[in-house]
């Protein structure tokens, strides 16, 4: 049991899993705001004259 606690690779995997879970949760919570922002950004880019 103590080998797993001392294992740095295992702790890094746990940290990555936590960060991914947080990113997914934020994406789900702010889905409508993110979609609105992306649509508004691309519509303003498409309307510009290049």
C-alpha atoms as a PDB file:
ATOM      1  CA  UNK A   1       0.000   0.000   0.000  1.00  0.00           C
ATOM      2  CA  UNK A   2       2.775   2.438   0.864  1.00  0.00           C
ATOM      3  CA  UNK A   3       4.525   1.703  -2.428  1.00  0.00           C
ATOM      4  CA  UNK A   4       1.542   3.133  -4.291  1.00  0.00           C
ATOM      5  CA  UNK A   5       1.573   6.289  -2.182  1.00  0.00           C
ATOM      6  CA  UNK A   6       5.287   6.787  -2.836  1.00  0.00           C
ATOM      7  CA  UNK A   7       4.928   6.034  -6.544  1.00  0.00           C
ATOM      8  CA  UNK A   8       5.222   9.402  -8.327  1.00  0.00           C
ATOM      9  CA  UNK A   9       3.858   8.055 -11.588  1.00  0.00           C
ATOM     10  CA  UNK A  10       0.648   6.957  -9.868  1.00  0.00           C
ATOM     11  CA  UNK A  11       0.248  10.358  -8.240  1.00  0.00           C
ATOM     12  CA  UNK A  12       0.780  12.091 -11.591  1.00  0.00           C
ATOM     13  CA  UNK A  13      -1.935   9.945 -13.144  1.00  0.00           C
ATOM     14  CA  UNK A  14      -4.314  10.885 -10.327  1.00  0.00           C
ATOM     15  CA  UNK A  15      -3.528  14.572 -10.850  1.00  0.00           C
ATOM     16  CA  UNK A  16      -4.143  14.289 -14.592  1.00  0.00           C
ATOM     17  CA  UNK A  17      -7.429  12.477 -13.979  1.00  0.00           C
ATOM     18  CA  UNK A  18      -8.562  15.187 -11.553  1.00  0.00           C
ATOM     19  CA  UNK A  19      -7.661  17.960 -14.015  1.00  0.00           C
ATOM     20  CA  UNK A  20      -9.516  16.222 -16.847  1.00  0.00           C
ATOM     21  CA  UNK A  21     -12.567  15.766 -14.619  1.00  0.00           C
ATOM     22  CA  UNK A  22     -12.513  19.456 -13.691  1.00  0.00           C
ATOM     23  CA  UNK A  23     -12.203  20.478 -17.348  1.00  0.00           C
ATOM     24  CA  UNK A  24     -15.124  18.246 -18.347  1.00  0.00           C
ATOM     25  CA  UNK A  25     -17.266  19.536 -15.474  1.00  0.00           C
ATOM     26  CA  UNK A  26     -16.560  23.157 -16.412  1.00  0.00           C
ATOM     27  CA  UNK A  27     -17.360  22.365 -20.041  1.00  0.00           C
ATOM     28  CA  UNK A  28     -20.689  20.871 -19.069  1.00  0.00           C
ATOM     29  CA  UNK A  29     -21.564  23.710 -16.695  1.00  0.00           C
ATOM     30  CA  UNK A  30     -20.680  26.506 -19.126  1.00  0.00           C
ATOM     31  CA  UNK A  31     -21.742  24.726 -22.332  1.00  0.00           C
ATOM     32  CA  UNK A  32     -24.206  27.388 -23.450  1.00  0.00           C
ATOM     33  CA  UNK A  33     -21.821  30.260 -22.735  1.00  0.00           C
ATOM     34  CA  UNK A  34     -18.959  28.545 -24.579  1.00  0.00           C
ATOM     35  CA  UNK A  35     -21.194  27.769 -27.569  1.00  0.00           C
ATOM     36  CA  UNK A  36     -22.462  31.347 -27.685  1.00  0.00           C
ATOM     37  CA  UNK A  37     -18.925  32.750 -27.515  1.00  0.00           C
ATOM     38  CA  UNK A  38     -17.645  30.476 -30.293  1.00  0.00           C
ATOM     39  CA  UNK A  39     -20.623  31.222 -32.556  1.00  0.00           C
ATOM     40  CA  UNK A  40     -20.286  34.968 -32.002  1.00  0.00           C
ATOM     41  CA  UNK A  41     -16.534  34.863 -32.656  1.00  0.00           C
ATOM     42  CA  UNK A  42     -16.839  32.880 -35.880  1.00  0.00           C
ATOM     43  CA  UNK A  43     -19.720  34.977 -37.165  1.00  0.00           C
ATOM     44  CA  UNK A  44     -17.691  38.152 -36.642  1.00  0.00           C
ATOM     45  CA  UNK A  45     -14.709  36.545 -38.390  1.00  0.00           C
ATOM     46  CA  UNK A  46     -16.875  35.477 -41.337  1.00  0.00           C
ATOM     47  CA  UNK A  47     -18.385  38.936 -41.712  1.00  0.00           C
ATOM     48  CA  UNK A  48     -14.956  40.610 -41.871  1.00  0.00           C
ATOM     49  CA  UNK A  49     -13.460  41.556 -45.246  1.00  0.00           C
ATOM     50  CA  UNK A  50     -10.078  39.964 -45.774  1.00  0.00           C
END
